[in-house]
Amino acid sequence: MRFAHRLLLMALALLTALSLVPSPVSALPAVKKKGVSAANFSGVTAALSDVGAGWYYTWASDKQGINAPSSAEFVPMIWGSGSVNQTQLNQAKSLGTTLLAFNEPDMGGQANMSVDQALQLWPQLQGTGMRLSAPAVAFGGDTAGGWLDRFMSGAASRGYRVDFIPLHWYGGDFSAAAVGQLQGYLQNVYNRYHKPIWLTEYALIDFSTSTPRYPSSDQQAAFAKNSALMLQGLSFVERYSWFTLSTSTHRTGLYTGSTANATGVAYRSVG
């Protein structure tokens, strides 16, 4: 009995010691949920500050020359297979604690990667020790047998680490129902994988025809405000990011120079 008692005490001591050691990948820094994707442009520093972004990313492992306010955390990205090299991995590690992985690998015009290729490269991303996202698929994150589903199954079978799921969403319904449609998609993905969600690109754009269709300024602004309010209230959504900060990057941008448009004003008002 004495020997068994000693083993029990040793086990309890070990568990206590382990509980005091934080995991390098489990904890998310305390920042605002609201963020933006951003390219460098004249007025970017003022716009990042004015919109109240707690974080931002540039689709790259570096800040692309952006001089961001101290209130906005930079989150690096390894964009595609060509970015998986020691220079960019080291750069990302030096500039952030969380790593976004592979931008729309399911799209020919984007990272354009097979699931097998992404899985083969994954140990190098995981080797940074950073908190690590899944690849950010363009669509179908909740689809059984889809790109993300096959990647997540492959990662699990290999014992690879995936800490959270980044998603993109573009709505073609410009009515008030769009907010609920976005929420439904996020909920379905969370129900499937039970991992935190980052919504890293979203806006209202109808891609159902060869020429994208856009909502009115009032419709986009109403969606920006109401969707942000919804996202603030979803406990499993850790962060979200409008596409994008500047109108010089895309017409869904929030700012022209350092001046907010109607959508920028609406997005700024939340969070």
Protein backbone atom coordinates (compact mmCIF):
# COMPACT_ATOMS: atom_id res chain seq x y z
CA MET A 1 0.00 0.00 0.00
CA ARG A 2 2.88 2.35 0.75
CA PHE A 3 4.31 1.84 -2.73
CA ALA A 4 0.93 2.45 -4.35
CA HIS A 5 0.45 5.55 -2.23
CA ARG A 6 3.86 6.88 -3.29
CA LEU A 7 3.00 6.31 -6.97
CA LEU A 8 -0.25 8.21 -6.51
CA LEU A 9 1.54 11.15 -4.90
CA MET A 10 4.13 11.19 -7.69
CA ALA A 11 1.38 11.17 -10.35
CA LEU A 12 -0.45 14.02 -8.65
CA ALA A 13 2.76 16.03 -8.44
CA LEU A 14 3.44 15.48 -12.14
CA LEU A 15 -0.06 16.53 -13.14
CA THR A 16 0.23 19.65 -11.00
CA ALA A 17 3.55 20.56 -12.61
CA LEU A 18 2.19 20.02 -16.12
CA SER A 19 -0.85 22.17 -15.42
CA LEU A 20 1.44 25.09 -14.65
CA VAL A 21 3.17 24.91 -18.03
CA PRO A 22 1.15 26.76 -20.70
CA SER A 23 0.86 25.17 -24.12
CA PRO A 24 2.61 27.26 -26.78
CA VAL A 25 -0.33 26.81 -29.16
CA SER A 26 -3.46 26.68 -26.98
CA ALA A 27 -3.71 30.26 -25.79
CA LEU A 28 -4.94 33.07 -28.05
CA PRO A 29 -3.62 36.56 -27.24
CA ALA A 30 -6.28 38.84 -25.82
CA VAL A 31 -7.08 41.09 -28.78
CA LYS A 32 -10.26 42.34 -30.40
CA LYS A 33 -12.11 39.90 -32.63
CA LYS A 34 -12.46 42.47 -35.38
CA GLY A 35 -9.70 42.70 -37.98
CA VAL A 36 -9.07 43.37 -41.67
CA SER A 37 -7.04 42.09 -44.56
CA ALA A 38 -4.78 44.85 -45.84
CA ALA A 39 -2.34 45.70 -48.58
CA ASN A 40 -0.03 48.69 -48.19
CA PHE A 41 -1.50 51.99 -49.38
CA SER A 42 -1.31 55.67 -48.58
CA GLY A 43 -3.28 56.13 -45.35
CA VAL A 44 -3.10 52.50 -44.20
CA THR A 45 -1.83 53.32 -40.70
CA ALA A 46 -4.59 55.84 -40.06
CA ALA A 47 -7.23 53.52 -41.54
CA LEU A 48 -6.17 50.56 -39.37
CA SER A 49 -6.38 52.77 -36.32
CA ASP A 50 -9.65 54.44 -37.28
CA VAL A 51 -11.50 51.20 -38.05
CA GLY A 52 -10.52 49.77 -34.66
CA ALA A 53 -8.79 46.66 -36.01
CA GLY A 54 -7.38 44.43 -33.30
CA TRP A 55 -5.46 42.45 -35.90
CA TYR A 56 -4.62 42.37 -39.60
CA TYR A 57 -2.96 40.21 -42.21
CA THR A 58 -1.40 40.85 -45.62
CA TRP A 59 -1.63 37.42 -47.33
CA ALA A 60 2.13 37.19 -46.70
CA SER A 61 4.67 36.18 -44.09
CA ASP A 62 5.69 39.84 -43.63
CA LYS A 63 3.91 43.15 -43.10
CA GLN A 64 4.43 44.32 -46.70
CA GLY A 65 5.83 47.62 -45.43
CA ILE A 66 2.73 48.50 -43.39
CA ASN A 67 3.45 50.63 -40.34
CA ALA A 68 0.52 49.50 -38.22
CA PRO A 69 -0.64 51.06 -34.96
CA SER A 70 0.43 49.17 -31.84
CA SER A 71 -3.22 48.22 -31.23
CA ALA A 72 -3.32 46.01 -34.36
CA GLU A 73 -1.60 42.61 -34.14
CA PHE A 74 0.00 41.29 -37.31
CA VAL A 75 -0.84 37.69 -38.25
CA PRO A 76 1.50 36.20 -40.91
CA MET A 77 0.43 33.79 -43.62
CA ILE A 78 2.17 31.08 -45.63
CA TRP A 79 0.21 31.69 -48.84
CA GLY A 80 0.95 28.60 -50.93
CA SER A 81 3.42 25.87 -51.71
CA GLY A 82 6.03 28.33 -52.98
CA SER A 83 5.98 30.10 -49.62
CA VAL A 84 7.03 26.99 -47.71
CA ASN A 85 10.71 27.77 -47.32
CA GLN A 86 12.88 28.49 -44.33
CA THR A 87 13.15 32.20 -45.08
CA GLN A 88 9.40 32.79 -44.98
CA LEU A 89 8.80 30.37 -42.11
CA ASN A 90 11.45 32.12 -40.01
CA GLN A 91 10.06 35.51 -40.99
CA ALA A 92 6.56 34.52 -39.94
CA LYS A 93 7.83 33.18 -36.63
CA SER A 94 9.71 36.40 -35.93
CA LEU A 95 6.66 38.59 -36.60
CA GLY A 96 3.78 36.71 -34.99
CA THR A 97 2.56 33.94 -32.74
CA THR A 98 -0.24 32.63 -34.98
CA LEU A 99 0.20 31.35 -38.55
CA LEU A 100 -2.43 31.37 -41.30
CA ALA A 101 -1.94 28.57 -43.81
CA PHE A 102 -2.53 28.30 -47.58
CA ASN A 103 -4.93 30.79 -49.15
CA GLU A 104 -7.78 29.08 -51.06
CA PRO A 105 -5.90 25.91 -52.03
CA ASP A 106 -9.14 24.68 -53.62
CA MET A 107 -9.04 27.45 -56.25
CA GLY A 108 -7.02 27.37 -59.46
CA GLY A 109 -6.32 31.10 -59.35
CA GLN A 110 -5.16 31.02 -55.75
CA ALA A 111 -2.87 28.61 -53.84
CA ASN A 112 -4.15 25.75 -56.04
CA MET A 113 -2.92 22.77 -54.05
CA SER A 114 -4.03 19.19 -53.74
CA VAL A 115 -4.87 17.84 -50.31
CA ASP A 116 -1.90 15.45 -50.52
CA GLN A 117 0.48 18.30 -51.33
CA ALA A 118 -0.77 20.36 -48.39
CA LEU A 119 -0.38 17.39 -46.05
CA GLN A 120 3.16 16.70 -47.28
CA LEU A 121 4.17 20.29 -46.51
CA TRP A 122 2.32 20.51 -43.19
CA PRO A 123 5.14 19.33 -40.87
CA GLN A 124 7.19 22.36 -41.92
CA LEU A 125 4.41 24.75 -40.89
CA GLN A 126 3.78 22.83 -37.71
CA GLY A 127 7.51 22.93 -36.98
CA THR A 128 7.36 26.69 -36.39
CA GLY A 129 5.64 25.97 -33.07
CA MET A 130 3.16 28.76 -33.84
CA ARG A 131 -0.58 28.47 -33.33
CA LEU A 132 -1.65 27.06 -36.70
CA SER A 133 -4.75 27.40 -38.86
CA ALA A 134 -6.11 24.90 -41.32
CA PRO A 135 -5.83 25.91 -44.99
CA ALA A 136 -8.46 28.56 -45.81
CA VAL A 137 -10.79 27.05 -48.41
CA ALA A 138 -12.81 29.34 -50.65
CA PHE A 139 -16.05 27.43 -50.09
CA GLY A 140 -17.50 24.12 -48.92
CA GLY A 141 -15.90 24.04 -45.51
CA ASP A 142 -18.91 22.14 -44.19
CA THR A 143 -19.07 19.65 -47.08
CA ALA A 144 -18.45 15.97 -46.37
CA GLY A 145 -15.65 14.81 -48.67
CA GLY A 146 -14.77 18.38 -49.67
CA TRP A 147 -11.23 19.76 -49.79
CA LEU A 148 -11.17 20.83 -46.13
CA ASP A 149 -12.85 17.65 -44.95
CA ARG A 150 -10.26 15.48 -46.70
CA PHE A 151 -7.44 17.63 -45.33
CA MET A 152 -8.75 17.45 -41.77
CA SER A 153 -9.16 13.67 -42.02
CA GLY A 154 -5.65 13.32 -43.41
CA ALA A 155 -4.18 15.55 -40.72
CA ALA A 156 -5.92 13.59 -37.98
CA SER A 157 -4.74 10.23 -39.32
CA ARG A 158 -1.14 11.52 -39.41
CA GLY A 159 -1.31 13.10 -35.95
CA TYR A 160 -0.81 16.63 -37.35
CA ARG A 161 -1.88 19.69 -35.39
CA VAL A 162 -4.60 22.09 -36.57
CA ASP A 163 -5.61 24.66 -33.97
CA PHE A 164 -8.43 26.54 -35.70
CA ILE A 165 -10.37 26.80 -38.97
CA PRO A 166 -10.17 29.92 -41.20
CA LEU A 167 -13.08 30.45 -43.57
CA HIS A 168 -14.03 32.69 -46.49
CA TRP A 169 -17.64 33.59 -47.27
CA TYR A 170 -19.19 35.78 -49.96
CA GLY A 171 -22.95 36.17 -50.03
CA GLY A 172 -25.00 36.54 -53.18
CA ASP A 173 -28.24 37.35 -51.35
CA PHE A 174 -28.17 41.07 -50.64
CA SER A 175 -31.20 41.06 -48.34
CA ALA A 176 -31.18 41.05 -44.53
CA ALA A 177 -31.20 37.24 -44.71
CA ALA A 178 -27.48 37.26 -45.59
CA VAL A 179 -26.45 37.57 -41.93
CA GLY A 180 -28.31 34.39 -41.03
CA GLN A 181 -26.89 32.58 -44.04
CA LEU A 182 -23.35 33.45 -42.94
CA GLN A 183 -24.08 32.40 -39.39
CA GLY A 184 -25.48 29.09 -40.59
CA TYR A 185 -22.33 28.32 -42.57
CA LEU A 186 -20.08 29.10 -39.62
CA GLN A 187 -22.21 26.98 -37.32
CA ASN A 188 -22.14 24.03 -39.72
CA VAL A 189 -18.34 24.14 -39.96
CA TYR A 190 -17.99 24.40 -36.19
CA ASN A 191 -20.39 21.49 -35.69
CA ARG A 192 -18.30 19.39 -38.06
CA TYR A 193 -14.84 20.01 -36.61
CA HIS A 194 -15.41 21.51 -33.13
CA LYS A 195 -12.50 23.87 -33.53
CA PRO A 196 -12.46 27.68 -33.17
CA ILE A 197 -13.35 29.63 -36.32
CA TRP A 198 -11.64 32.62 -37.91
CA LEU A 199 -13.63 34.28 -40.70
CA THR A 200 -10.70 35.75 -42.63
CA GLU A 201 -12.51 37.03 -45.74
CA TYR A 202 -16.13 38.03 -46.14
CA ALA A 203 -18.41 40.53 -47.86
CA LEU A 204 -21.45 40.59 -50.12
CA ILE A 205 -20.51 39.63 -53.70
CA ASP A 206 -22.55 37.43 -56.00
CA PHE A 207 -20.19 35.11 -57.91
CA SER A 208 -22.97 33.00 -59.44
CA THR A 209 -22.40 34.41 -62.95
CA SER A 210 -19.30 35.15 -65.01
CA THR A 211 -19.43 38.81 -63.98
CA PRO A 212 -19.55 39.42 -60.20
CA ARG A 213 -22.59 41.36 -58.98
CA TYR A 214 -22.39 43.80 -56.08
CA PRO A 215 -24.94 45.20 -53.65
CA SER A 216 -25.74 48.87 -53.22
CA SER A 217 -23.67 50.92 -50.79
CA ASP A 218 -26.52 50.87 -48.27
CA GLN A 219 -26.92 47.09 -48.55
CA GLN A 220 -23.19 46.45 -48.05
CA ALA A 221 -23.03 48.85 -45.11
CA ALA A 222 -26.05 47.27 -43.40
CA PHE A 223 -24.53 43.82 -43.85
CA ALA A 224 -21.13 44.95 -42.53
CA LYS A 225 -22.69 46.27 -39.34
CA ASN A 226 -25.19 43.49 -38.71
CA SER A 227 -22.77 40.68 -39.55
CA ALA A 228 -20.12 42.14 -37.25
CA LEU A 229 -22.66 42.34 -34.42
CA MET A 230 -23.55 38.70 -35.04
CA LEU A 231 -19.90 37.63 -35.12
CA GLN A 232 -19.16 39.44 -31.89
CA GLY A 233 -21.77 37.27 -30.21
CA LEU A 234 -20.64 33.87 -31.50
CA SER A 235 -18.43 32.30 -28.84
CA PHE A 236 -16.75 29.86 -31.26
CA VAL A 237 -15.69 32.66 -33.63
CA GLU A 238 -12.35 33.90 -32.33
CA ARG A 239 -11.69 36.53 -34.99
CA TYR A 240 -13.18 37.95 -38.17
CA SER A 241 -11.83 40.09 -40.98
CA TRP A 242 -13.67 42.08 -43.64
CA PHE A 243 -12.49 41.88 -47.25
CA THR A 244 -10.78 44.33 -47.38
CA LEU A 245 -9.40 47.56 -45.87
CA SER A 246 -8.80 49.70 -48.98
CA THR A 247 -10.88 50.42 -52.06
CA SER A 248 -7.58 50.50 -53.97
CA THR A 249 -7.37 46.72 -53.38
CA HIS A 250 -11.02 45.90 -54.07
CA ARG A 251 -14.31 47.73 -54.42
CA THR A 252 -15.57 46.12 -51.19
CA GLY A 253 -12.85 48.06 -49.34
CA LEU A 254 -13.71 50.11 -46.26
CA TYR A 255 -11.48 53.15 -46.84
CA THR A 256 -10.36 55.40 -49.65
CA GLY A 257 -7.05 56.62 -48.36
CA SER A 258 -7.69 57.27 -44.67
CA THR A 259 -11.36 58.21 -45.18
CA ALA A 260 -14.04 55.65 -44.33
CA ASN A 261 -16.85 55.05 -46.82
CA ALA A 262 -20.36 53.98 -45.73
CA THR A 263 -19.29 50.36 -45.24
CA GLY A 264 -16.20 51.48 -43.34
CA VAL A 265 -18.31 53.62 -41.01
CA ALA A 266 -20.63 50.69 -40.39
CA TYR A 267 -17.79 48.23 -39.72
CA ARG A 268 -16.02 50.76 -37.51
CA SER A 269 -19.09 51.11 -35.30
CA VAL A 270 -18.91 47.51 -34.03
CA GLY A 271 -16.37 45.91 -31.72
